[in-house]
Every structure is written in structure tokens, then in C-alpha cells.
């Protein structure tokens, strides 16, 4: 009788291990699918853009560069008609300083607007992964 119960105990333990192996196999397949999905070029690009959009230092540098480019463009457009006019050069310089001042004072709100715009362009993949996880089973 003791041998039979040991056999039954062994069979029960084997079935428990088989169930555990099946669960771990499903989890491994899911992890593999997530890894494959994250390594697709489109997803690499999206994650890079998201990292760029959330990096405060990069935002600050990009914002300062954009201010410089806008100011330079405006100055060239205003001076183009008559580059020898001293009054126009003075007005252009004052306009550049004014635009730079306005942009610098509102940097946080402008950066927040641009970040939210980028996040709207790149949807979150977590909802799509939940829907696609059913095909692994």
C-alpha cells in the first residue's frame, strides 16, 4: 500500500511539474515575442523618438538651437531688401532680442506642448501588445 501511495505521489508531482513547465513555456514565448517586437526597426525608431521626447537636456538644447535658427532666419529675411540700411539692422537686432526673450520666458510651456504633440504622434504599444498576446497561446 505504501508503494502505491508513493507512486501516486510521484505521478502527482510529475503532473505538477508538467503544468509548471507549460506555464513557464508560455511565459518564455511571451517574453520572446516581446523581444522580437521591440527589436523591429519601426519600434526601435519609436522608442528612440520617445526617449528623445522625454529627455529634458535634449529638449533644452533643441529649444535653444531652434531659437537661434528662428532668430537668424528672421534677421536674414528682414535685412534682405536693403543690407546697408542701419536703421533696419537695428530694428532687426531688437526684434531678434524680443523674439528670443519671449521664447526663453515661455520655454517650459512650449516644450510641454511639443512633447505632448510628439507623444500623440507615437501611440503607446501596450494596448496593441495585449491584443496580440492571444496568438501565442
Protein backbone atom coordinates (compact mmCIF):
# COMPACT_ATOMS: atom_id res chain seq x y z
CA UNK A 1 0.00 0.00 0.00
CA UNK A 2 2.86 2.38 0.81
CA UNK A 3 4.40 1.73 -2.59
CA UNK A 4 1.18 2.60 -4.34
CA UNK A 5 0.85 5.88 -2.47
CA UNK A 6 4.49 6.72 -3.29
CA UNK A 7 3.73 6.01 -6.95
CA UNK A 8 0.64 8.18 -6.84
CA UNK A 9 2.61 10.90 -5.10
CA UNK A 10 5.28 10.68 -7.78
CA UNK A 11 2.69 10.88 -10.58
CA UNK A 12 1.08 13.88 -8.90
CA UNK A 13 4.44 15.60 -8.57
CA UNK A 14 5.23 14.87 -12.24
CA UNK A 15 1.90 16.37 -13.33
CA UNK A 16 2.58 19.46 -11.20
CA UNK A 17 5.99 19.86 -12.82
CA UNK A 18 4.46 19.43 -16.29
CA UNK A 19 1.93 22.16 -15.51
CA UNK A 20 4.71 24.41 -14.22
CA UNK A 21 6.77 23.69 -17.35
CA UNK A 22 3.81 24.57 -19.59
CA UNK A 23 3.26 27.86 -17.73
CA UNK A 24 6.94 28.76 -17.92
CA UNK A 25 6.94 27.84 -21.61
CA UNK A 26 4.07 30.25 -22.25
CA UNK A 27 5.84 32.98 -20.29
CA UNK A 28 9.05 32.35 -22.24
CA UNK A 29 7.18 32.53 -25.55
CA UNK A 30 5.60 35.82 -24.49
CA UNK A 31 8.97 37.26 -23.49
CA UNK A 32 10.45 36.13 -26.80
CA UNK A 33 7.59 37.73 -28.73
CA UNK A 34 8.05 40.96 -26.76
CA UNK A 35 11.79 40.92 -27.52
CA UNK A 36 11.19 40.30 -31.23
CA UNK A 37 8.58 43.06 -31.30
CA UNK A 38 10.87 45.54 -29.56
CA UNK A 39 13.72 44.81 -31.99
CA UNK A 40 11.71 45.63 -35.10
CA UNK A 41 13.13 48.74 -36.82
CA UNK A 42 9.85 50.66 -36.51
CA UNK A 43 9.69 50.04 -32.77
CA UNK A 44 13.36 50.91 -32.31
CA UNK A 45 12.72 54.21 -34.06
CA UNK A 46 9.61 54.87 -31.97
CA UNK A 47 11.40 54.14 -28.71
CA UNK A 48 14.29 56.38 -29.75
CA UNK A 49 11.91 59.23 -30.53
CA UNK A 50 10.13 58.69 -27.18
CA UNK A 51 13.44 58.80 -25.35
CA UNK A 52 14.30 61.96 -27.22
CA UNK A 53 10.92 63.48 -26.38
CA UNK A 54 11.31 62.76 -22.67
CA UNK A 55 14.94 63.84 -22.26
CA UNK A 56 14.95 67.25 -20.58
CA UNK A 57 18.54 68.07 -21.54
CA UNK A 58 17.92 67.28 -25.19
CA UNK A 59 14.73 69.35 -25.14
CA UNK A 60 16.60 72.31 -23.71
CA UNK A 61 19.41 72.05 -26.27
CA UNK A 62 16.96 71.60 -29.13
CA UNK A 63 14.89 74.52 -27.94
CA UNK A 64 17.92 76.82 -27.72
CA UNK A 65 19.03 75.73 -31.19
CA UNK A 66 15.55 76.37 -32.57
CA UNK A 67 15.55 79.86 -31.04
CA UNK A 68 18.86 80.61 -32.71
CA UNK A 69 17.67 79.31 -36.07
CA UNK A 70 14.40 81.27 -35.93
CA UNK A 71 16.21 84.44 -34.95
CA UNK A 72 18.79 84.03 -37.70
CA UNK A 73 16.10 83.33 -40.29
CA UNK A 74 14.05 86.35 -39.26
CA UNK A 75 17.10 88.58 -39.29
CA UNK A 76 18.11 87.48 -42.79
CA UNK A 77 14.57 87.94 -44.09
CA UNK A 78 14.34 91.46 -42.69
CA UNK A 79 17.80 92.57 -43.83
CA UNK A 80 17.49 91.04 -47.31
CA UNK A 81 15.82 94.01 -49.02
CA UNK A 82 18.47 96.58 -48.03
CA UNK A 83 21.51 95.26 -46.15
CA UNK A 84 23.11 98.73 -45.93
CA UNK A 85 20.22 100.32 -44.02
CA UNK A 86 21.48 100.92 -40.47
CA UNK A 87 18.02 101.54 -39.01
CA UNK A 88 16.73 98.26 -40.44
CA UNK A 89 19.70 96.42 -38.94
CA UNK A 90 18.96 97.99 -35.55
CA UNK A 91 15.27 97.07 -35.77
CA UNK A 92 16.21 93.54 -36.80
CA UNK A 93 18.56 93.17 -33.84
CA UNK A 94 15.91 94.46 -31.44
CA UNK A 95 13.35 92.11 -32.97
CA UNK A 96 15.76 89.19 -32.55
CA UNK A 97 16.24 90.04 -28.89
CA UNK A 98 12.49 90.37 -28.39
CA UNK A 99 11.71 87.03 -30.02
CA UNK A 100 14.48 85.33 -28.07
CA UNK A 101 13.19 86.85 -24.84
CA UNK A 102 9.59 85.73 -25.48
CA UNK A 103 10.67 82.22 -26.45
CA UNK A 104 13.02 81.89 -23.50
CA UNK A 105 10.41 83.10 -21.00
CA UNK A 106 7.85 80.60 -22.31
CA UNK A 107 10.28 77.72 -22.81
CA UNK A 108 8.56 75.32 -20.40
CA UNK A 109 5.09 75.71 -21.88
CA UNK A 110 6.43 75.46 -25.44
CA UNK A 111 8.49 72.37 -24.58
CA UNK A 112 5.48 70.78 -22.89
CA UNK A 113 3.33 71.49 -25.95
CA UNK A 114 5.92 69.98 -28.30
CA UNK A 115 6.34 66.91 -26.06
CA UNK A 116 2.60 66.28 -25.91
CA UNK A 117 2.42 66.68 -29.69
CA UNK A 118 5.18 64.09 -30.19
CA UNK A 119 3.50 61.69 -27.74
CA UNK A 120 0.24 61.98 -29.68
CA UNK A 121 2.09 61.08 -32.89
CA UNK A 122 3.57 57.95 -31.30
CA UNK A 123 0.82 55.84 -29.70
CA UNK A 124 1.59 53.61 -26.74
CA UNK A 125 2.17 49.97 -27.81
CA UNK A 126 0.88 48.44 -24.54
CA UNK A 127 -2.74 48.23 -25.77
CA UNK A 128 -1.66 46.61 -29.03
CA UNK A 129 0.52 44.07 -27.20
CA UNK A 130 -2.43 42.92 -25.08
CA UNK A 131 -4.45 42.21 -28.22
CA UNK A 132 -1.59 40.40 -29.98
CA UNK A 133 -0.64 38.26 -26.97
CA UNK A 134 -3.55 35.87 -27.58
CA UNK A 135 -1.93 34.34 -30.70
CA UNK A 136 0.96 32.93 -28.63
CA UNK A 137 -1.34 30.52 -26.81
